[in-house]
Amino acid sequence: MKKVAVIILLLGGLCGSLGSQEAPSKTVMIDANHSLETAVPEVNMVAITKVLTGFSFDVKREILTEDLLNQYDVVMLVQPYEILEDSEIDALIHFVQKGGGLIMCGEHDVGWNDSSRSTYNKLGTTFGIIFSSNAIDDPTDKAGCYCTPIIHNFAEHPLAEGISKITVYKPCSLRISGNAEAVARGDDDTHTVGVEKVEGEDVIVVAVSEFQKGRIVAVGSHTVFDDSFINQPDNLDFVENCFQWVSEQATPQGGSLDVVIAIAAVAGILMLIVVLKKRKG
C-alpha cells in the first residue's frame, strides 16, 4: 500500500503542476493594410494593448497569407476601406477553420465604398454575417450626437457578461444567417440611414459565429476599440470580453488535455491495483 500511496502522490503532484502552468500570451494581429491610409491603430488603439495584458498586439500592413496568419491567435480587421483579395479571403477562412479567432469591424456607408464592402461580405457570408450599407442612428440613446448610439439591448452571451451598454460612432448594421447570433441590437426607436433601411430591434450592432474550430466577432464599427471611446461606460469590459471569447478556441488546449490524461492515468492505475488485489485474494 505504501507503493500505491507514493504513486498517487507523484501523479497528483504531476496533475497539480500541469494545472498550474500559466497560459501563454495570446497574439493578435491588427490588419491595417486594408484600412484607410490615415488609419493608425498603433496610435489610436494604444489603450487595449496596455490593459489587455494577456494579449500581445502587432499592427501589420502586408498581404494576408496563411503563413502570416498562422503566427497569431486572433486577427482583427479594422477601418475597412481596401478590397480583400480572394486569396486573402481564403487564408482568413482557413485560419478560422483551424481554430483562429477573427474580429471584423464594419464602417458606415459614407466611409466604406461598395467594392470593399462586397469583399468583406464575401468573407462574412461564410460565417453567416453581412455588413449592410447604412449607418445606425438613435434619437434618444445617444452620446451627444444621434449618430453616436448607446447600445443597451444585449442577448445572453459571454460578450455581454457584465455589460449594460456600449457606445459606438456611426456603426453599420449587420445581417445574420445560419448559426450566427446577434449579441447587441437597437431598441424601439433605433433606425438606420442609408441604402439599407432597418428599424428597431432588427438593427444588429454586434454578432458572433462559430465556424469549425474558430470563432468570429463582428461589430458595426471599430470605434468601440479606439482610445477615443474606450473609456465610455462598459466599452473596455466589452472589448475584453470580445478578445477573451474569440481567442478561446484559438488558444492551445495542451495544458488542460495533459491534466485530463494524468487524471485518467491515476484512475487506470487504481483500477489495476484493485483488480490485482482481488486476484491475490
C-alpha atoms as a PDB file:
ATOM      1  CA  MET A   1       0.000   0.000   0.000  1.00  0.00           C
ATOM      2  CA  LYS A   2       2.941   2.359   0.600  1.00  0.00           C
ATOM      3  CA  LYS A   3       3.939   1.977  -3.057  1.00  0.00           C
ATOM      4  CA  VAL A   4       0.373   2.766  -4.083  1.00  0.00           C
ATOM      5  CA  ALA A   5       0.374   5.917  -1.936  1.00  0.00           C
ATOM      6  CA  VAL A   6       3.673   7.069  -3.453  1.00  0.00           C
ATOM      7  CA  ILE A   7       2.372   6.578  -6.999  1.00  0.00           C
ATOM      8  CA  ILE A   8      -0.813   8.501  -6.214  1.00  0.00           C
ATOM      9  CA  LEU A   9       1.151  11.372  -4.646  1.00  0.00           C
ATOM     10  CA  LEU A  10       3.523  11.581  -7.608  1.00  0.00           C
ATOM     11  CA  LEU A  11       0.719  11.589 -10.144  1.00  0.00           C
ATOM     12  CA  GLY A  12      -1.265  14.036  -8.031  1.00  0.00           C
ATOM     13  CA  GLY A  13       1.750  16.340  -7.992  1.00  0.00           C
ATOM     14  CA  LEU A  14       2.038  15.994 -11.761  1.00  0.00           C
ATOM     15  CA  CYS A  15      -1.603  16.963 -12.218  1.00  0.00           C
ATOM     16  CA  GLY A  16      -1.148  19.937  -9.913  1.00  0.00           C
ATOM     17  CA  SER A  17       1.953  21.191 -11.721  1.00  0.00           C
ATOM     18  CA  LEU A  18       0.306  20.828 -15.124  1.00  0.00           C
ATOM     19  CA  GLY A  19      -2.834  22.560 -13.977  1.00  0.00           C
ATOM     20  CA  SER A  20      -0.888  25.488 -12.521  1.00  0.00           C
ATOM     21  CA  GLN A  21       1.076  26.240 -15.690  1.00  0.00           C
ATOM     22  CA  GLU A  22       0.489  29.805 -16.846  1.00  0.00           C
ATOM     23  CA  ALA A  23      -1.378  30.132 -20.113  1.00  0.00           C
ATOM     24  CA  PRO A  24       0.820  31.557 -22.868  1.00  0.00           C
ATOM     25  CA  SER A  25       0.173  35.094 -24.061  1.00  0.00           C
ATOM     26  CA  LYS A  26      -2.306  35.222 -26.924  1.00  0.00           C
ATOM     27  CA  THR A  27      -1.151  37.008 -30.039  1.00  0.00           C
ATOM     28  CA  VAL A  28      -3.293  39.461 -32.007  1.00  0.00           C
ATOM     29  CA  MET A  29      -2.652  40.841 -35.475  1.00  0.00           C
ATOM     30  CA  ILE A  30      -4.360  44.145 -36.294  1.00  0.00           C
ATOM     31  CA  ASP A  31      -4.641  44.425 -40.064  1.00  0.00           C
ATOM     32  CA  ALA A  32      -4.111  47.987 -41.266  1.00  0.00           C
ATOM     33  CA  ASN A  33      -3.281  47.035 -44.850  1.00  0.00           C
ATOM     34  CA  HIS A  34      -6.946  47.174 -45.864  1.00  0.00           C
ATOM     35  CA  SER A  35      -7.761  50.323 -43.897  1.00  0.00           C
ATOM     36  CA  LEU A  36      -7.702  53.970 -44.866  1.00  0.00           C
ATOM     37  CA  GLU A  37      -4.199  55.318 -45.402  1.00  0.00           C
ATOM     38  CA  THR A  38      -4.816  57.626 -42.444  1.00  0.00           C
ATOM     39  CA  ALA A  39      -5.635  54.715 -40.117  1.00  0.00           C
ATOM     40  CA  VAL A  40      -3.010  54.353 -37.388  1.00  0.00           C
ATOM     41  CA  PRO A  41      -4.055  51.651 -34.896  1.00  0.00           C
ATOM     42  CA  GLU A  42      -0.652  51.883 -33.217  1.00  0.00           C
ATOM     43  CA  VAL A  43      -1.642  55.434 -32.194  1.00  0.00           C
ATOM     44  CA  ASN A  44      -5.440  55.203 -31.833  1.00  0.00           C
ATOM     45  CA  MET A  45      -5.684  51.778 -30.175  1.00  0.00           C
ATOM     46  CA  VAL A  46      -2.975  52.013 -27.537  1.00  0.00           C
ATOM     47  CA  ALA A  47      -5.257  51.532 -24.523  1.00  0.00           C
ATOM     48  CA  ILE A  48      -6.275  47.959 -25.315  1.00  0.00           C
ATOM     49  CA  THR A  49      -2.633  46.953 -25.805  1.00  0.00           C
ATOM     50  CA  LYS A  50      -1.843  48.234 -22.308  1.00  0.00           C
ATOM     51  CA  VAL A  51      -4.930  46.983 -20.468  1.00  0.00           C
ATOM     52  CA  LEU A  52      -5.325  43.542 -22.044  1.00  0.00           C
ATOM     53  CA  THR A  53      -2.143  42.133 -20.553  1.00  0.00           C
ATOM     54  CA  GLY A  54      -2.966  38.578 -21.597  1.00  0.00           C
ATOM     55  CA  PHE A  55      -2.587  39.580 -25.248  1.00  0.00           C
ATOM     56  CA  SER A  56       0.259  40.857 -27.391  1.00  0.00           C
ATOM     57  CA  PHE A  57      -0.570  43.036 -30.397  1.00  0.00           C
ATOM     58  CA  ASP A  58       1.095  43.594 -33.787  1.00  0.00           C
ATOM     59  CA  VAL A  59      -0.059  46.028 -36.474  1.00  0.00           C
ATOM     60  CA  LYS A  60       0.615  44.685 -39.968  1.00  0.00           C
ATOM     61  CA  ARG A  61       0.465  46.333 -43.365  1.00  0.00           C
ATOM     62  CA  GLU A  62       1.001  43.449 -45.739  1.00  0.00           C
ATOM     63  CA  ILE A  63      -0.930  40.932 -47.811  1.00  0.00           C
ATOM     64  CA  LEU A  64      -2.766  38.355 -45.708  1.00  0.00           C
ATOM     65  CA  THR A  65      -1.350  34.881 -46.253  1.00  0.00           C
ATOM     66  CA  GLU A  66      -1.729  31.620 -44.346  1.00  0.00           C
ATOM     67  CA  ASP A  67       1.912  31.785 -43.267  1.00  0.00           C
ATOM     68  CA  LEU A  68       1.352  35.244 -41.791  1.00  0.00           C
ATOM     69  CA  LEU A  69      -1.968  34.425 -40.114  1.00  0.00           C
ATOM     70  CA  ASN A  70      -0.626  31.209 -38.599  1.00  0.00           C
ATOM     71  CA  GLN A  71       1.636  33.300 -36.374  1.00  0.00           C
ATOM     72  CA  TYR A  72      -1.390  34.649 -34.481  1.00  0.00           C
ATOM     73  CA  ASP A  73      -4.288  33.520 -32.320  1.00  0.00           C
ATOM     74  CA  VAL A  74      -6.569  36.415 -33.317  1.00  0.00           C
ATOM     75  CA  VAL A  75      -6.792  38.560 -36.443  1.00  0.00           C
ATOM     76  CA  MET A  76      -8.572  41.897 -36.309  1.00  0.00           C
ATOM     77  CA  LEU A  77      -9.834  43.798 -39.384  1.00  0.00           C
ATOM     78  CA  VAL A  78     -10.357  47.496 -38.599  1.00  0.00           C
ATOM     79  CA  GLN A  79     -11.435  50.605 -40.526  1.00  0.00           C
ATOM     80  CA  PRO A  80     -12.189  48.699 -43.741  1.00  0.00           C
ATOM     81  CA  TYR A  81     -11.539  50.567 -46.960  1.00  0.00           C
ATOM     82  CA  GLU A  82      -9.473  48.489 -49.408  1.00  0.00           C
ATOM     83  CA  ILE A  83     -10.540  45.294 -51.189  1.00  0.00           C
ATOM     84  CA  LEU A  84      -9.846  41.867 -49.701  1.00  0.00           C
ATOM     85  CA  GLU A  85      -8.373  39.705 -52.457  1.00  0.00           C
ATOM     86  CA  ASP A  86      -9.788  36.197 -52.988  1.00  0.00           C
ATOM     87  CA  SER A  87      -6.519  34.657 -51.789  1.00  0.00           C
ATOM     88  CA  GLU A  88      -6.751  36.714 -48.584  1.00  0.00           C
ATOM     89  CA  ILE A  89     -10.362  35.652 -48.015  1.00  0.00           C
ATOM     90  CA  ASP A  90      -9.327  32.014 -48.434  1.00  0.00           C
ATOM     91  CA  ALA A  91      -6.442  32.473 -45.995  1.00  0.00           C
ATOM     92  CA  LEU A  92      -8.761  34.029 -43.396  1.00  0.00           C
ATOM     93  CA  ILE A  93     -11.321  31.235 -43.778  1.00  0.00           C
ATOM     94  CA  HIS A  94      -8.629  28.575 -43.331  1.00  0.00           C
ATOM     95  CA  PHE A  95      -7.276  30.466 -40.323  1.00  0.00           C
ATOM     96  CA  VAL A  96     -10.671  30.329 -38.625  1.00  0.00           C
ATOM     97  CA  GLN A  97     -11.258  26.708 -39.654  1.00  0.00           C
ATOM     98  CA  LYS A  98      -8.103  25.696 -37.827  1.00  0.00           C
ATOM     99  CA  GLY A  99      -9.131  27.465 -34.624  1.00  0.00           C
ATOM    100  CA  GLY A 100      -8.184  31.103 -35.139  1.00  0.00           C
ATOM    101  CA  GLY A 101     -10.249  33.983 -33.818  1.00  0.00           C
ATOM    102  CA  LEU A 102     -11.430  36.727 -36.178  1.00  0.00           C
ATOM    103  CA  ILE A 103     -12.736  40.178 -35.212  1.00  0.00           C
ATOM    104  CA  MET A 104     -14.328  42.005 -38.156  1.00  0.00           C
ATOM    105  CA  CYS A 105     -15.144  45.700 -37.782  1.00  0.00           C
ATOM    106  CA  GLY A 106     -17.501  47.378 -40.225  1.00  0.00           C
ATOM    107  CA  GLU A 107     -17.902  51.034 -41.189  1.00  0.00           C
ATOM    108  CA  HIS A 108     -20.748  53.415 -42.033  1.00  0.00           C
ATOM    109  CA  ASP A 109     -21.830  53.677 -45.641  1.00  0.00           C
ATOM    110  CA  VAL A 110     -20.269  57.078 -46.338  1.00  0.00           C
ATOM    111  CA  GLY A 111     -16.810  55.936 -45.228  1.00  0.00           C
ATOM    112  CA  TRP A 112     -16.859  52.492 -46.836  1.00  0.00           C
ATOM    113  CA  ASN A 113     -17.063  52.001 -50.584  1.00  0.00           C
ATOM    114  CA  ASP A 114     -19.290  49.283 -52.043  1.00  0.00           C
ATOM    115  CA  SER A 115     -16.461  47.389 -53.752  1.00  0.00           C
ATOM    116  CA  SER A 116     -14.589  46.903 -50.498  1.00  0.00           C
ATOM    117  CA  ARG A 117     -17.746  46.060 -48.541  1.00  0.00           C
ATOM    118  CA  SER A 118     -18.660  43.368 -51.051  1.00  0.00           C
ATOM    119  CA  THR A 119     -15.342  41.575 -50.468  1.00  0.00           C
ATOM    120  CA  TYR A 120     -15.766  41.743 -46.697  1.00  0.00           C
ATOM    121  CA  ASN A 121     -19.242  40.304 -47.169  1.00  0.00           C
ATOM    122  CA  LYS A 122     -17.841  37.532 -49.339  1.00  0.00           C
ATOM    123  CA  LEU A 123     -15.771  36.596 -46.288  1.00  0.00           C
ATOM    124  CA  GLY A 124     -18.568  37.253 -43.801  1.00  0.00           C
ATOM    125  CA  THR A 125     -21.112  35.168 -45.710  1.00  0.00           C
ATOM    126  CA  THR A 126     -19.034  32.089 -44.900  1.00  0.00           C
ATOM    127  CA  PHE A 127     -19.773  32.747 -41.228  1.00  0.00           C
ATOM    128  CA  GLY A 128     -23.362  33.954 -41.669  1.00  0.00           C
ATOM    129  CA  ILE A 129     -22.623  37.662 -41.121  1.00  0.00           C
ATOM    130  CA  ILE A 130     -23.201  40.505 -43.608  1.00  0.00           C
ATOM    131  CA  PHE A 131     -22.327  44.211 -43.250  1.00  0.00           C
ATOM    132  CA  SER A 132     -25.125  46.500 -44.503  1.00  0.00           C
ATOM    133  CA  SER A 133     -24.730  49.719 -46.471  1.00  0.00           C
ATOM    134  CA  ASN A 134     -26.042  52.155 -43.861  1.00  0.00           C
ATOM    135  CA  ALA A 135     -25.333  53.872 -40.548  1.00  0.00           C
ATOM    136  CA  ILE A 136     -27.154  53.432 -37.243  1.00  0.00           C
ATOM    137  CA  ASP A 137     -28.847  56.375 -35.524  1.00  0.00           C
ATOM    138  CA  ASP A 138     -30.710  56.615 -32.233  1.00  0.00           C
ATOM    139  CA  PRO A 139     -32.583  59.809 -31.262  1.00  0.00           C
ATOM    140  CA  THR A 140     -32.850  59.007 -27.540  1.00  0.00           C
ATOM    141  CA  ASP A 141     -29.999  56.714 -26.514  1.00  0.00           C
ATOM    142  CA  LYS A 142     -27.025  58.696 -27.744  1.00  0.00           C
ATOM    143  CA  ALA A 143     -23.714  60.182 -26.614  1.00  0.00           C
ATOM    144  CA  GLY A 144     -24.322  63.770 -27.736  1.00  0.00           C
ATOM    145  CA  CYS A 145     -24.833  63.200 -31.459  1.00  0.00           C
ATOM    146  CA  TYR A 146     -27.664  60.915 -32.645  1.00  0.00           C
ATOM    147  CA  CYS A 147     -25.027  59.253 -34.852  1.00  0.00           C
ATOM    148  CA  THR A 148     -23.236  58.024 -31.725  1.00  0.00           C
ATOM    149  CA  PRO A 149     -25.753  55.478 -30.432  1.00  0.00           C
ATOM    150  CA  ILE A 150     -25.600  53.963 -26.961  1.00  0.00           C
ATOM    151  CA  ILE A 151     -26.457  50.290 -27.370  1.00  0.00           C
ATOM    152  CA  HIS A 152     -28.086  48.648 -24.340  1.00  0.00           C
ATOM    153  CA  ASN A 153     -30.103  45.748 -25.771  1.00  0.00           C
ATOM    154  CA  PHE A 154     -27.957  42.637 -25.273  1.00  0.00           C
ATOM    155  CA  ALA A 155     -28.565  38.922 -25.640  1.00  0.00           C
ATOM    156  CA  GLU A 156     -27.287  36.468 -23.061  1.00  0.00           C
ATOM    157  CA  HIS A 157     -23.767  35.724 -24.252  1.00  0.00           C
ATOM    158  CA  PRO A 158     -20.200  35.808 -22.844  1.00  0.00           C
ATOM    159  CA  LEU A 159     -19.564  39.020 -24.833  1.00  0.00           C
ATOM    160  CA  ALA A 160     -22.351  40.707 -22.863  1.00  0.00           C
ATOM    161  CA  GLU A 161     -21.335  39.426 -19.419  1.00  0.00           C
ATOM    162  CA  GLY A 162     -21.286  42.361 -17.011  1.00  0.00           C
ATOM    163  CA  ILE A 163     -22.205  44.780 -19.812  1.00  0.00           C
ATOM    164  CA  SER A 164     -25.147  47.167 -19.626  1.00  0.00           C
ATOM    165  CA  LYS A 165     -24.255  49.425 -22.569  1.00  0.00           C
ATOM    166  CA  ILE A 166     -21.619  50.301 -25.152  1.00  0.00           C
ATOM    167  CA  THR A 167     -21.119  53.446 -27.208  1.00  0.00           C
ATOM    168  CA  VAL A 168     -20.032  53.490 -30.851  1.00  0.00           C
ATOM    169  CA  TYR A 169     -19.780  56.082 -33.610  1.00  0.00           C
ATOM    170  CA  LYS A 170     -21.758  55.564 -36.829  1.00  0.00           C
ATOM    171  CA  PRO A 171     -21.796  51.777 -36.907  1.00  0.00           C
ATOM    172  CA  CYS A 172     -23.357  49.978 -39.831  1.00  0.00           C
ATOM    173  CA  SER A 173     -25.966  47.325 -39.096  1.00  0.00           C
ATOM    174  CA  LEU A 174     -25.389  43.606 -39.574  1.00  0.00           C
ATOM    175  CA  ARG A 175     -27.487  40.848 -41.088  1.00  0.00           C
ATOM    176  CA  ILE A 176     -27.120  37.287 -39.877  1.00  0.00           C
ATOM    177  CA  SER A 177     -27.966  33.797 -41.093  1.00  0.00           C
ATOM    178  CA  GLY A 178     -27.170  30.195 -40.246  1.00  0.00           C
ATOM    179  CA  ASN A 179     -25.705  29.703 -36.784  1.00  0.00           C
ATOM    180  CA  ALA A 180     -24.632  33.338 -36.385  1.00  0.00           C
ATOM    181  CA  GLU A 181     -26.096  35.069 -33.308  1.00  0.00           C
ATOM    182  CA  ALA A 182     -26.964  38.692 -32.598  1.00  0.00           C
ATOM    183  CA  VAL A 183     -25.375  39.871 -29.339  1.00  0.00           C
ATOM    184  CA  ALA A 184     -26.285  43.573 -29.403  1.00  0.00           C
ATOM    185  CA  ARG A 185     -29.342  45.183 -31.021  1.00  0.00           C
ATOM    186  CA  GLY A 186     -31.096  48.504 -31.238  1.00  0.00           C
ATOM    187  CA  ASP A 187     -34.272  49.363 -29.337  1.00  0.00           C
ATOM    188  CA  ASP A 188     -37.699  50.686 -30.361  1.00  0.00           C
ATOM    189  CA  ASP A 189     -36.541  53.939 -31.940  1.00  0.00           C
ATOM    190  CA  THR A 190     -33.185  52.851 -33.313  1.00  0.00           C
ATOM    191  CA  HIS A 191     -33.016  53.073 -37.096  1.00  0.00           C
ATOM    192  CA  THR A 192     -30.563  53.248 -39.949  1.00  0.00           C
ATOM    193  CA  VAL A 193     -29.895  55.870 -42.589  1.00  0.00           C
ATOM    194  CA  GLY A 194     -28.559  54.968 -45.998  1.00  0.00           C
ATOM    195  CA  VAL A 195     -29.431  52.466 -48.697  1.00  0.00           C
ATOM    196  CA  GLU A 196     -30.455  49.558 -46.482  1.00  0.00           C
ATOM    197  CA  LYS A 197     -33.218  50.614 -44.088  1.00  0.00           C
ATOM    198  CA  VAL A 198     -33.594  48.752 -40.799  1.00  0.00           C
ATOM    199  CA  GLU A 199     -35.559  49.720 -37.691  1.00  0.00           C
ATOM    200  CA  GLY A 200     -35.979  48.828 -34.036  1.00  0.00           C
ATOM    201  CA  GLU A 201     -34.632  45.562 -32.679  1.00  0.00           C
ATOM    202  CA  ASP A 202     -33.917  44.369 -36.218  1.00  0.00           C
ATOM    203  CA  VAL A 203     -30.894  46.669 -36.076  1.00  0.00           C
ATOM    204  CA  ILE A 204     -27.976  44.383 -35.180  1.00  0.00           C
ATOM    205  CA  VAL A 205     -24.777  46.051 -33.977  1.00  0.00           C
ATOM    206  CA  VAL A 206     -22.740  43.060 -32.751  1.00  0.00           C
ATOM    207  CA  ALA A 207     -22.908  39.446 -33.945  1.00  0.00           C
ATOM    208  CA  VAL A 208     -20.907  36.292 -33.357  1.00  0.00           C
ATOM    209  CA  SER A 209     -20.454  32.994 -35.110  1.00  0.00           C
ATOM    210  CA  GLU A 210     -18.562  29.742 -34.668  1.00  0.00           C
ATOM    211  CA  PHE A 211     -17.045  28.098 -37.715  1.00  0.00           C
ATOM    212  CA  GLN A 212     -15.410  24.711 -37.287  1.00  0.00           C
ATOM    213  CA  LYS A 213     -12.650  25.256 -34.680  1.00  0.00           C
ATOM    214  CA  GLY A 214     -12.693  29.063 -34.787  1.00  0.00           C
ATOM    215  CA  ARG A 215     -14.811  31.963 -33.619  1.00  0.00           C
ATOM    216  CA  ILE A 216     -15.854  35.252 -35.207  1.00  0.00           C
ATOM    217  CA  VAL A 217     -16.956  38.560 -33.683  1.00  0.00           C
ATOM    218  CA  ALA A 218     -18.433  41.214 -35.986  1.00  0.00           C
ATOM    219  CA  VAL A 219     -19.051  44.810 -34.863  1.00  0.00           C
ATOM    220  CA  GLY A 220     -20.589  47.560 -36.979  1.00  0.00           C
ATOM    221  CA  SER A 221     -17.754  49.960 -36.124  1.00  0.00           C
ATOM    222  CA  HIS A 222     -14.148  49.825 -34.939  1.00  0.00           C
ATOM    223  CA  THR A 223     -14.685  52.821 -32.649  1.00  0.00           C
ATOM    224  CA  VAL A 224     -15.591  50.726 -29.597  1.00  0.00           C
ATOM    225  CA  PHE A 225     -11.933  49.586 -29.635  1.00  0.00           C
ATOM    226  CA  ASP A 226     -10.474  53.097 -30.110  1.00  0.00           C
ATOM    227  CA  ASP A 227      -8.803  55.179 -27.421  1.00  0.00           C
ATOM    228  CA  SER A 228     -11.351  57.950 -28.002  1.00  0.00           C
ATOM    229  CA  PHE A 229     -14.231  55.641 -26.982  1.00  0.00           C
ATOM    230  CA  ILE A 230     -12.620  53.032 -24.754  1.00  0.00           C
ATOM    231  CA  ASN A 231     -13.464  54.971 -21.574  1.00  0.00           C
ATOM    232  CA  GLN A 232     -17.150  55.156 -22.410  1.00  0.00           C
ATOM    233  CA  PRO A 233     -19.200  53.089 -19.908  1.00  0.00           C
ATOM    234  CA  ASP A 234     -18.643  49.344 -20.365  1.00  0.00           C
ATOM    235  CA  ASN A 235     -16.694  49.708 -23.618  1.00  0.00           C
ATOM    236  CA  LEU A 236     -13.457  48.398 -22.137  1.00  0.00           C
ATOM    237  CA  ASP A 237     -15.182  45.452 -20.447  1.00  0.00           C
ATOM    238  CA  PHE A 238     -16.936  44.636 -23.694  1.00  0.00           C
ATOM    239  CA  VAL A 239     -13.660  44.754 -25.621  1.00  0.00           C
ATOM    240  CA  GLU A 240     -12.021  42.447 -23.096  1.00  0.00           C
ATOM    241  CA  ASN A 241     -14.960  40.035 -23.400  1.00  0.00           C
ATOM    242  CA  CYS A 242     -14.558  40.095 -27.187  1.00  0.00           C
ATOM    243  CA  PHE A 243     -10.905  39.132 -27.108  1.00  0.00           C
ATOM    244  CA  GLN A 244     -11.353  36.511 -24.402  1.00  0.00           C
ATOM    245  CA  TRP A 245     -14.243  34.808 -26.200  1.00  0.00           C
ATOM    246  CA  VAL A 246     -12.907  34.965 -29.747  1.00  0.00           C
ATOM    247  CA  SER A 247      -9.495  33.639 -28.701  1.00  0.00           C
ATOM    248  CA  GLU A 248     -10.771  30.830 -26.507  1.00  0.00           C
ATOM    249  CA  GLN A 249     -10.753  28.123 -29.153  1.00  0.00           C
ATOM    250  CA  ALA A 250      -7.642  29.537 -30.780  1.00  0.00           C
ATOM    251  CA  THR A 251      -5.601  29.035 -27.597  1.00  0.00           C
ATOM    252  CA  PRO A 252      -3.703  25.728 -27.434  1.00  0.00           C
ATOM    253  CA  GLN A 253      -5.502  23.416 -25.020  1.00  0.00           C
ATOM    254  CA  GLY A 254      -2.493  21.185 -24.320  1.00  0.00           C
ATOM    255  CA  GLY A 255      -2.307  22.087 -20.629  1.00  0.00           C
ATOM    256  CA  SER A 256      -5.896  21.056 -19.941  1.00  0.00           C
ATOM    257  CA  LEU A 257      -5.528  17.928 -22.033  1.00  0.00           C
ATOM    258  CA  ASP A 258      -2.423  16.891 -20.092  1.00  0.00           C
ATOM    259  CA  VAL A 259      -4.315  17.234 -16.823  1.00  0.00           C
ATOM    260  CA  VAL A 260      -7.132  15.045 -18.116  1.00  0.00           C
ATOM    261  CA  ILE A 261      -4.648  12.424 -19.313  1.00  0.00           C
ATOM    262  CA  ALA A 262      -2.866  12.400 -15.957  1.00  0.00           C
ATOM    263  CA  ILE A 263      -6.131  12.011 -14.051  1.00  0.00           C
ATOM    264  CA  ALA A 264      -7.161   9.187 -16.362  1.00  0.00           C
ATOM    265  CA  ALA A 265      -3.792   7.535 -15.715  1.00  0.00           C
ATOM    266  CA  VAL A 266      -4.351   7.733 -11.944  1.00  0.00           C
ATOM    267  CA  ALA A 267      -7.789   6.171 -12.295  1.00  0.00           C
ATOM    268  CA  GLY A 268      -6.385   3.418 -14.514  1.00  0.00           C
ATOM    269  CA  ILE A 269      -3.617   2.567 -12.052  1.00  0.00           C
ATOM    270  CA  LEU A 270      -6.050   2.444  -9.143  1.00  0.00           C
ATOM    271  CA  MET A 271      -8.350   0.121 -11.070  1.00  0.00           C
ATOM    272  CA  LEU A 272      -5.386  -2.125 -11.940  1.00  0.00           C
ATOM    273  CA  ILE A 273      -4.358  -2.282  -8.286  1.00  0.00           C
ATOM    274  CA  VAL A 274      -7.859  -3.244  -7.211  1.00  0.00           C
ATOM    275  CA  VAL A 275      -8.007  -5.999  -9.836  1.00  0.00           C
ATOM    276  CA  LEU A 276      -4.607  -7.389  -8.782  1.00  0.00           C
ATOM    277  CA  LYS A 277      -5.538  -7.352  -5.099  1.00  0.00           C
ATOM    278  CA  LYS A 278      -8.737  -9.250  -5.873  1.00  0.00           C
ATOM    279  CA  ARG A 279      -6.798 -11.869  -7.795  1.00  0.00           C
ATOM    280  CA  LYS A 280      -4.298 -12.306  -4.951  1.00  0.00           C
ATOM    281  CA  GLY A 281      -7.186 -12.610  -2.504  1.00  0.00           C
END
